[in-house]
C-alpha atoms as a PDB file:
ATOM      1  CA  UNK A   1     -18.109  -4.112   3.281  1.00  0.00           C
ATOM      2  CA  UNK A   2     -14.536  -3.549   2.178  1.00  0.00           C
ATOM      3  CA  UNK A   3     -11.888  -2.471   4.641  1.00  0.00           C
ATOM      4  CA  UNK A   4     -10.828   1.178   4.870  1.00  0.00           C
ATOM      5  CA  UNK A   5      -7.041   1.424   5.242  1.00  0.00           C
ATOM      6  CA  UNK A   6      -4.554   4.235   5.647  1.00  0.00           C
ATOM      7  CA  UNK A   7      -1.031   2.918   5.165  1.00  0.00           C
ATOM      8  CA  UNK A   8       2.098   4.913   5.889  1.00  0.00           C
ATOM      9  CA  UNK A   9       5.236   4.275   3.834  1.00  0.00           C
ATOM     10  CA  UNK A  10       8.289   5.608   5.653  1.00  0.00           C
ATOM     11  CA  UNK A  11      10.525   4.745   2.668  1.00  0.00           C
ATOM     12  CA  UNK A  12      14.272   4.968   3.527  1.00  0.00           C
ATOM     13  CA  UNK A  13      13.846   7.325   6.465  1.00  0.00           C
ATOM     14  CA  UNK A  14      14.294   7.273  10.263  1.00  0.00           C
ATOM     15  CA  UNK A  15      16.983   5.517  12.236  1.00  0.00           C
ATOM     16  CA  UNK A  16      16.010   2.874  14.776  1.00  0.00           C
ATOM     17  CA  UNK A  17      15.215   5.178  17.695  1.00  0.00           C
ATOM     18  CA  UNK A  18      13.468   7.754  15.499  1.00  0.00           C
ATOM     19  CA  UNK A  19      11.226   5.039  14.081  1.00  0.00           C
ATOM     20  CA  UNK A  20      10.211   3.739  17.502  1.00  0.00           C
ATOM     21  CA  UNK A  21       9.533   7.266  18.703  1.00  0.00           C
ATOM     22  CA  UNK A  22       7.301   8.110  15.738  1.00  0.00           C
ATOM     23  CA  UNK A  23       5.420   4.826  15.954  1.00  0.00           C
ATOM     24  CA  UNK A  24       4.790   5.345  19.662  1.00  0.00           C
ATOM     25  CA  UNK A  25       3.280   8.743  18.891  1.00  0.00           C
ATOM     26  CA  UNK A  26       1.086   7.190  16.194  1.00  0.00           C
ATOM     27  CA  UNK A  27      -0.119   4.443  18.548  1.00  0.00           C
ATOM     28  CA  UNK A  28      -1.108   6.963  21.205  1.00  0.00           C
ATOM     29  CA  UNK A  29      -2.928   9.171  18.707  1.00  0.00           C
ATOM     30  CA  UNK A  30      -4.786   6.217  17.178  1.00  0.00           C
ATOM     31  CA  UNK A  31      -5.838   5.111  20.656  1.00  0.00           C
ATOM     32  CA  UNK A  32      -7.031   8.604  21.620  1.00  0.00           C
ATOM     33  CA  UNK A  33      -8.485   9.929  18.376  1.00  0.00           C
ATOM     34  CA  UNK A  34      -9.595   7.189  15.979  1.00  0.00           C
ATOM     35  CA  UNK A  35     -13.227   6.277  16.426  1.00  0.00           C
ATOM     36  CA  UNK A  36     -14.049   4.641  13.100  1.00  0.00           C
ATOM     37  CA  UNK A  37     -13.303   1.136  11.799  1.00  0.00           C
ATOM     38  CA  UNK A  38     -10.403   2.180   9.588  1.00  0.00           C
ATOM     39  CA  UNK A  39      -7.176   0.185   9.800  1.00  0.00           C
ATOM     40  CA  UNK A  40      -3.775   1.858  10.139  1.00  0.00           C
ATOM     41  CA  UNK A  41      -0.768   0.133   8.572  1.00  0.00           C
ATOM     42  CA  UNK A  42       2.755   1.455   9.070  1.00  0.00           C
ATOM     43  CA  UNK A  43       5.298   0.173   6.534  1.00  0.00           C
ATOM     44  CA  UNK A  44       8.772   0.718   7.894  1.00  0.00           C
ATOM     45  CA  UNK A  45      12.335  -0.201   6.926  1.00  0.00           C
ATOM     46  CA  UNK A  46      13.324  -3.757   7.856  1.00  0.00           C
ATOM     47  CA  UNK A  47      15.289  -2.647  10.939  1.00  0.00           C
ATOM     48  CA  UNK A  48      12.125  -1.494  12.708  1.00  0.00           C
ATOM     49  CA  UNK A  49       9.734  -4.329  11.953  1.00  0.00           C
ATOM     50  CA  UNK A  50      10.128  -6.602  14.973  1.00  0.00           C
ATOM     51  CA  UNK A  51      10.094  -3.736  17.464  1.00  0.00           C
ATOM     52  CA  UNK A  52       7.062  -2.076  15.879  1.00  0.00           C
ATOM     53  CA  UNK A  53       5.151  -5.349  15.990  1.00  0.00           C
ATOM     54  CA  UNK A  54       5.915  -5.613  19.707  1.00  0.00           C
ATOM     55  CA  UNK A  55       4.769  -2.032  20.333  1.00  0.00           C
ATOM     56  CA  UNK A  56       1.544  -2.640  18.353  1.00  0.00           C
ATOM     57  CA  UNK A  57       0.474  -5.676  20.390  1.00  0.00           C
ATOM     58  CA  UNK A  58      -2.926  -5.100  21.922  1.00  0.00           C
ATOM     59  CA  UNK A  59      -3.872  -2.376  19.418  1.00  0.00           C
ATOM     60  CA  UNK A  60      -6.237  -3.960  16.910  1.00  0.00           C
ATOM     61  CA  UNK A  61      -6.420  -0.863  14.702  1.00  0.00           C
ATOM     62  CA  UNK A  62      -2.673  -0.841  13.951  1.00  0.00           C
ATOM     63  CA  UNK A  63      -0.725  -3.255  11.757  1.00  0.00           C
ATOM     64  CA  UNK A  64       2.870  -3.301  10.558  1.00  0.00           C
ATOM     65  CA  UNK A  65       4.110  -3.754   7.001  1.00  0.00           C
ATOM     66  CA  UNK A  66       7.421  -4.124   5.174  1.00  0.00           C
ATOM     67  CA  UNK A  67       8.302  -2.142   2.047  1.00  0.00           C
ATOM     68  CA  UNK A  68       9.618  -5.001  -0.097  1.00  0.00           C
ATOM     69  CA  UNK A  69      10.390  -8.720  -0.075  1.00  0.00           C
ATOM     70  CA  UNK A  70      12.524 -10.968  -2.257  1.00  0.00           C
ATOM     71  CA  UNK A  71      10.893 -13.367  -4.697  1.00  0.00           C
ATOM     72  CA  UNK A  72      12.930 -16.408  -3.561  1.00  0.00           C
ATOM     73  CA  UNK A  73      12.172 -18.392  -0.430  1.00  0.00           C
ATOM     74  CA  UNK A  74      15.847 -18.322   0.624  1.00  0.00           C
ATOM     75  CA  UNK A  75      19.307 -18.615  -0.845  1.00  0.00           C
ATOM     76  CA  UNK A  76      22.501 -16.828  -1.822  1.00  0.00           C
ATOM     77  CA  UNK A  77      21.029 -13.343  -2.217  1.00  0.00           C
ATOM     78  CA  UNK A  78      23.314 -11.198  -0.093  1.00  0.00           C
ATOM     79  CA  UNK A  79      21.570  -8.150   1.322  1.00  0.00           C
ATOM     80  CA  UNK A  80      18.037  -9.334   0.538  1.00  0.00           C
ATOM     81  CA  UNK A  81      15.192 -10.169   2.932  1.00  0.00           C
ATOM     82  CA  UNK A  82      12.725 -13.001   2.353  1.00  0.00           C
ATOM     83  CA  UNK A  83       8.978 -13.061   2.932  1.00  0.00           C
ATOM     84  CA  UNK A  84       9.480 -15.837   5.494  1.00  0.00           C
ATOM     85  CA  UNK A  85      11.900 -13.647   7.457  1.00  0.00           C
ATOM     86  CA  UNK A  86       9.447 -10.742   7.388  1.00  0.00           C
ATOM     87  CA  UNK A  87       6.553 -12.919   8.513  1.00  0.00           C
ATOM     88  CA  UNK A  88       8.653 -14.320  11.370  1.00  0.00           C
ATOM     89  CA  UNK A  89       8.756 -10.830  12.930  1.00  0.00           C
ATOM     90  CA  UNK A  90       4.960 -10.774  13.163  1.00  0.00           C
ATOM     91  CA  UNK A  91       4.632  -8.336  10.271  1.00  0.00           C
ATOM     92  CA  UNK A  92       1.299  -8.601   8.450  1.00  0.00           C
ATOM     93  CA  UNK A  93       1.628  -6.573   5.230  1.00  0.00           C
ATOM     94  CA  UNK A  94       4.229  -5.940   2.537  1.00  0.00           C
ATOM     95  CA  UNK A  95       4.318  -3.274  -0.169  1.00  0.00           C
ATOM     96  CA  UNK A  96       5.098  -4.759  -3.596  1.00  0.00           C
ATOM     97  CA  UNK A  97       5.641  -2.966  -6.888  1.00  0.00           C
ATOM     98  CA  UNK A  98       5.998   0.546  -5.539  1.00  0.00           C
ATOM     99  CA  UNK A  99       6.798   2.935  -8.381  1.00  0.00           C
ATOM    100  CA  UNK A 100      10.225   3.612  -6.870  1.00  0.00           C
ATOM    101  CA  UNK A 101      11.022  -0.113  -6.961  1.00  0.00           C
ATOM    102  CA  UNK A 102       9.849  -0.300 -10.545  1.00  0.00           C
ATOM    103  CA  UNK A 103      11.808   2.810 -11.571  1.00  0.00           C
ATOM    104  CA  UNK A 104      15.057   2.539  -9.606  1.00  0.00           C
ATOM    105  CA  UNK A 105      15.422  -1.234  -9.286  1.00  0.00           C
ATOM    106  CA  UNK A 106      13.911  -2.325 -12.600  1.00  0.00           C
ATOM    107  CA  UNK A 107      11.161  -4.440 -11.080  1.00  0.00           C
ATOM    108  CA  UNK A 108       8.956  -5.845 -13.833  1.00  0.00           C
ATOM    109  CA  UNK A 109       5.404  -7.158 -13.733  1.00  0.00           C
ATOM    110  CA  UNK A 110       6.797 -10.680 -14.179  1.00  0.00           C
ATOM    111  CA  UNK A 111       9.110 -10.301 -11.173  1.00  0.00           C
ATOM    112  CA  UNK A 112       6.322  -8.790  -9.092  1.00  0.00           C
ATOM    113  CA  UNK A 113       4.065 -11.738  -9.891  1.00  0.00           C
ATOM    114  CA  UNK A 114       6.726 -13.999  -8.339  1.00  0.00           C
ATOM    115  CA  UNK A 115       7.091 -11.710  -5.330  1.00  0.00           C
ATOM    116  CA  UNK A 116       3.330 -11.753  -4.844  1.00  0.00           C
ATOM    117  CA  UNK A 117       3.243 -15.554  -4.935  1.00  0.00           C
ATOM    118  CA  UNK A 118       6.039 -15.807  -2.372  1.00  0.00           C
ATOM    119  CA  UNK A 119       4.472 -13.210  -0.082  1.00  0.00           C
ATOM    120  CA  UNK A 120       1.111 -14.973  -0.100  1.00  0.00           C
ATOM    121  CA  UNK A 121       2.782 -18.355   0.453  1.00  0.00           C
ATOM    122  CA  UNK A 122       4.335 -16.892   3.592  1.00  0.00           C
ATOM    123  CA  UNK A 123       1.069 -15.398   4.904  1.00  0.00           C
ATOM    124  CA  UNK A 124       1.870 -11.765   4.107  1.00  0.00           C
ATOM    125  CA  UNK A 125      -0.810  -9.470   2.704  1.00  0.00           C
ATOM    126  CA  UNK A 126       0.584  -7.611  -0.325  1.00  0.00           C
ATOM    127  CA  UNK A 127      -0.205  -3.956  -0.892  1.00  0.00           C
ATOM    128  CA  UNK A 128       0.302  -4.181  -4.643  1.00  0.00           C
ATOM    129  CA  UNK A 129       1.062  -0.883  -6.367  1.00  0.00           C
ATOM    130  CA  UNK A 130       0.097   0.086  -9.913  1.00  0.00           C
ATOM    131  CA  UNK A 131       0.141   3.378 -11.767  1.00  0.00           C
ATOM    132  CA  UNK A 132       1.289   5.378 -14.753  1.00  0.00           C
ATOM    133  CA  UNK A 133       4.017   7.925 -15.395  1.00  0.00           C
ATOM    134  CA  UNK A 134       3.330  11.446 -16.630  1.00  0.00           C
ATOM    135  CA  UNK A 135       4.560  10.487 -20.092  1.00  0.00           C
ATOM    136  CA  UNK A 136       2.159   7.539 -20.217  1.00  0.00           C
ATOM    137  CA  UNK A 137      -0.763   9.662 -19.058  1.00  0.00           C
ATOM    138  CA  UNK A 138      -0.019  12.415 -21.586  1.00  0.00           C
ATOM    139  CA  UNK A 139       0.094   9.745 -24.300  1.00  0.00           C
ATOM    140  CA  UNK A 140      -3.340   8.558 -23.100  1.00  0.00           C
ATOM    141  CA  UNK A 141      -1.838   5.149 -22.285  1.00  0.00           C
ATOM    142  CA  UNK A 142      -2.709   5.113 -18.588  1.00  0.00           C
ATOM    143  CA  UNK A 143      -5.612   2.676 -18.807  1.00  0.00           C
ATOM    144  CA  UNK A 144      -3.574   0.230 -20.906  1.00  0.00           C
ATOM    145  CA  UNK A 145      -0.600   0.460 -18.545  1.00  0.00           C
ATOM    146  CA  UNK A 146      -2.724  -0.224 -15.477  1.00  0.00           C
ATOM    147  CA  UNK A 147      -4.530  -3.101 -17.158  1.00  0.00           C
ATOM    148  CA  UNK A 148      -1.181  -4.635 -18.133  1.00  0.00           C
ATOM    149  CA  UNK A 149       0.176  -4.259 -14.595  1.00  0.00           C
ATOM    150  CA  UNK A 150      -2.887  -6.039 -13.229  1.00  0.00           C
ATOM    151  CA  UNK A 151      -2.900  -8.805 -15.828  1.00  0.00           C
ATOM    152  CA  UNK A 152       0.815  -9.566 -15.630  1.00  0.00           C
ATOM    153  CA  UNK A 153       1.291  -8.887 -11.909  1.00  0.00           C
ATOM    154  CA  UNK A 154      -1.704 -10.342 -10.039  1.00  0.00           C
ATOM    155  CA  UNK A 155      -4.399 -11.700 -12.343  1.00  0.00           C
ATOM    156  CA  UNK A 156      -2.701 -15.128 -12.388  1.00  0.00           C
ATOM    157  CA  UNK A 157      -3.941 -15.589  -8.811  1.00  0.00           C
ATOM    158  CA  UNK A 158      -7.055 -17.591  -8.067  1.00  0.00           C
ATOM    159  CA  UNK A 159      -9.991 -15.826  -6.447  1.00  0.00           C
ATOM    160  CA  UNK A 160      -9.050 -16.787  -2.892  1.00  0.00           C
ATOM    161  CA  UNK A 161      -5.471 -15.617  -3.316  1.00  0.00           C
ATOM    162  CA  UNK A 162      -6.523 -12.378  -4.979  1.00  0.00           C
ATOM    163  CA  UNK A 163      -8.920 -11.626  -2.138  1.00  0.00           C
ATOM    164  CA  UNK A 164      -5.931 -11.342   0.223  1.00  0.00           C
ATOM    165  CA  UNK A 165      -4.532  -8.375  -1.726  1.00  0.00           C
ATOM    166  CA  UNK A 166      -4.827  -4.658  -1.172  1.00  0.00           C
ATOM    167  CA  UNK A 167      -4.255  -2.588  -4.320  1.00  0.00           C
ATOM    168  CA  UNK A 168      -2.748   0.884  -4.376  1.00  0.00           C
ATOM    169  CA  UNK A 169      -3.087   3.226  -7.335  1.00  0.00           C
ATOM    170  CA  UNK A 170      -0.093   5.534  -7.627  1.00  0.00           C
ATOM    171  CA  UNK A 171      -0.104   8.216 -10.289  1.00  0.00           C
ATOM    172  CA  UNK A 172       3.696   8.272 -10.547  1.00  0.00           C
ATOM    173  CA  UNK A 173       3.553  11.888 -11.671  1.00  0.00           C
ATOM    174  CA  UNK A 174       2.040  12.834  -8.306  1.00  0.00           C
ATOM    175  CA  UNK A 175       4.460  11.077  -5.926  1.00  0.00           C
ATOM    176  CA  UNK A 176       6.689  13.414  -3.971  1.00  0.00           C
ATOM    177  CA  UNK A 177       5.963  16.206  -6.437  1.00  0.00           C
ATOM    178  CA  UNK A 178       3.312  18.036  -4.459  1.00  0.00           C
ATOM    179  CA  UNK A 179       0.989  17.506  -7.433  1.00  0.00           C
ATOM    180  CA  UNK A 180      -2.088  15.472  -6.647  1.00  0.00           C
ATOM    181  CA  UNK A 181      -4.481  13.820  -9.039  1.00  0.00           C
ATOM    182  CA  UNK A 182      -7.862  15.502  -8.803  1.00  0.00           C
ATOM    183  CA  UNK A 183     -10.466  13.515  -6.953  1.00  0.00           C
ATOM    184  CA  UNK A 184     -12.231  12.958 -10.277  1.00  0.00           C
ATOM    185  CA  UNK A 185      -9.046  11.654 -11.927  1.00  0.00           C
ATOM    186  CA  UNK A 186      -8.359   9.342  -9.006  1.00  0.00           C
ATOM    187  CA  UNK A 187     -11.941   8.065  -8.885  1.00  0.00           C
ATOM    188  CA  UNK A 188     -11.916   7.391 -12.640  1.00  0.00           C
ATOM    189  CA  UNK A 189      -8.874   5.123 -12.302  1.00  0.00           C
ATOM    190  CA  UNK A 190     -10.121   3.408  -9.152  1.00  0.00           C
ATOM    191  CA  UNK A 191     -13.417   2.605 -10.863  1.00  0.00           C
ATOM    192  CA  UNK A 192     -11.517   1.299 -13.895  1.00  0.00           C
ATOM    193  CA  UNK A 193      -9.449  -0.975 -11.646  1.00  0.00           C
ATOM    194  CA  UNK A 194     -12.559  -2.255  -9.879  1.00  0.00           C
ATOM    195  CA  UNK A 195     -14.250  -2.984 -13.202  1.00  0.00           C
ATOM    196  CA  UNK A 196     -11.182  -4.904 -14.389  1.00  0.00           C
ATOM    197  CA  UNK A 197     -11.292  -7.009 -11.221  1.00  0.00           C
ATOM    198  CA  UNK A 198     -14.999  -7.677 -11.761  1.00  0.00           C
ATOM    199  CA  UNK A 199     -14.314  -8.787 -15.347  1.00  0.00           C
ATOM    200  CA  UNK A 200     -11.525 -11.138 -14.247  1.00  0.00           C
ATOM    201  CA  UNK A 201     -13.072 -12.529 -11.058  1.00  0.00           C
ATOM    202  CA  UNK A 202     -16.540 -11.337 -10.011  1.00  0.00           C
ATOM    203  CA  UNK A 203     -18.440  -8.242  -8.972  1.00  0.00           C
ATOM    204  CA  UNK A 204     -18.456  -9.518  -5.403  1.00  0.00           C
ATOM    205  CA  UNK A 205     -14.661  -9.798  -5.277  1.00  0.00           C
ATOM    206  CA  UNK A 206     -14.315  -6.406  -6.952  1.00  0.00           C
ATOM    207  CA  UNK A 207     -16.670  -4.812  -4.435  1.00  0.00           C
ATOM    208  CA  UNK A 208     -14.674  -6.323  -1.558  1.00  0.00           C
ATOM    209  CA  UNK A 209     -11.206  -5.296  -2.818  1.00  0.00           C
ATOM    210  CA  UNK A 210      -9.627  -2.384  -0.965  1.00  0.00           C
ATOM    211  CA  UNK A 211      -8.028   0.079  -3.396  1.00  0.00           C
ATOM    212  CA  UNK A 212      -5.865   2.825  -1.926  1.00  0.00           C
ATOM    213  CA  UNK A 213      -4.793   6.120  -3.471  1.00  0.00           C
ATOM    214  CA  UNK A 214      -1.096   6.971  -3.270  1.00  0.00           C
ATOM    215  CA  UNK A 215       0.182  10.264  -4.584  1.00  0.00           C
ATOM    216  CA  UNK A 216       0.865  13.343  -2.446  1.00  0.00           C
ATOM    217  CA  UNK A 217      -2.123  12.724  -0.189  1.00  0.00           C
ATOM    218  CA  UNK A 218      -2.192  15.104   2.775  1.00  0.00           C
ATOM    219  CA  UNK A 219      -4.596  16.298   5.514  1.00  0.00           C
ATOM    220  CA  UNK A 220      -5.996  19.000   3.237  1.00  0.00           C
ATOM    221  CA  UNK A 221      -6.978  16.800   0.286  1.00  0.00           C
ATOM    222  CA  UNK A 222      -7.636  13.456   2.011  1.00  0.00           C
ATOM    223  CA  UNK A 223     -11.280  14.222   2.729  1.00  0.00           C
ATOM    224  CA  UNK A 224     -12.167  14.928  -0.883  1.00  0.00           C
ATOM    225  CA  UNK A 225     -10.205  11.916  -2.153  1.00  0.00           C
ATOM    226  CA  UNK A 226     -11.562   9.458   0.417  1.00  0.00           C
ATOM    227  CA  UNK A 227     -15.129  10.630  -0.218  1.00  0.00           C
ATOM    228  CA  UNK A 228     -14.983   9.090  -3.696  1.00  0.00           C
ATOM    229  CA  UNK A 229     -16.967   5.848  -3.892  1.00  0.00           C
ATOM    230  CA  UNK A 230     -14.087   3.668  -5.100  1.00  0.00           C
ATOM    231  CA  UNK A 231     -11.229   5.113  -3.023  1.00  0.00           C
ATOM    232  CA  UNK A 232     -10.839   3.116   0.187  1.00  0.00           C
ATOM    233  CA  UNK A 233      -7.954   4.955   1.802  1.00  0.00           C
ATOM    234  CA  UNK A 234      -4.416   6.006   1.084  1.00  0.00           C
ATOM    235  CA  UNK A 235      -0.818   4.896   0.793  1.00  0.00           C
ATOM    236  CA  UNK A 236       0.858   7.866   2.429  1.00  0.00           C
ATOM    237  CA  UNK A 237       4.511   8.804   1.908  1.00  0.00           C
ATOM    238  CA  UNK A 238       5.898  12.072   3.250  1.00  0.00           C
ATOM    239  CA  UNK A 239       2.931  12.859   5.487  1.00  0.00           C
ATOM    240  CA  UNK A 240       3.384   9.534   7.313  1.00  0.00           C
ATOM    241  CA  UNK A 241       6.673  10.827   8.763  1.00  0.00           C
ATOM    242  CA  UNK A 242       4.758  13.445  10.767  1.00  0.00           C
ATOM    243  CA  UNK A 243       2.468  11.871  13.341  1.00  0.00           C
ATOM    244  CA  UNK A 244       0.014  14.784  13.407  1.00  0.00           C
ATOM    245  CA  UNK A 245      -0.372  14.924   9.619  1.00  0.00           C
ATOM    246  CA  UNK A 246      -0.680  11.150   9.360  1.00  0.00           C
ATOM    247  CA  UNK A 247      -3.337  10.855  12.049  1.00  0.00           C
ATOM    248  CA  UNK A 248      -5.283  13.775  10.602  1.00  0.00           C
ATOM    249  CA  UNK A 249      -5.442  11.803   7.337  1.00  0.00           C
ATOM    250  CA  UNK A 250      -6.562   8.675   9.214  1.00  0.00           C
ATOM    251  CA  UNK A 251      -9.218  10.726  11.039  1.00  0.00           C
ATOM    252  CA  UNK A 252     -10.834  11.504   7.689  1.00  0.00           C
ATOM    253  CA  UNK A 253     -12.688   8.197   8.123  1.00  0.00           C
ATOM    254  CA  UNK A 254     -13.953   9.006  11.629  1.00  0.00           C
END
């Protein structure tokens, strides 16, 4: 049975003390209120990682993730952070290919394939993001775009490597806009992704792959989205900065 995950992406928010304070609130709420088997992953800026890992020790339902990693093992890349460095903090997950990285930093499928390889080599679990823009959806290109992102970004992996991934579908047109894909729209894409995985690898691997929905998910719409058969949780942006909202989304799986 595939894992249910709710991952919070803090993006470039919260100073050091604010991050520790929020995470402490989340830990306490998870301990007191989460009764299901869902996993909570908090993906913070690099400055928080080590401290969050220390705070999370002893809480099996909570993991920590980074928001990016460089494709090289090490070297003269001033200002960058390697997968090995991230792993050395005890961090378990890393977001790769977020739409903001693709849009603002020009990250291509080819680059993300290298980042994925390096992350896996350093024992990080990638949360690999895919999704279409509004222009691509209106041009009815969304299925082709997602297929291309899968083929060029992660389908070079062997079955064992691929099984370490979590995928996240982000309708780019619904991120930070307040617009959410309908549950039917989201389910349609998630099923398409799962069928592509089955075609490339096997039905068993497809059935065991966790696919998250990311796109203005909140406590009001999480229940309907997570009830869809191929949606296994969420990659949560803005709502993850408010402990109550975030935990109410996580509680959807209780």
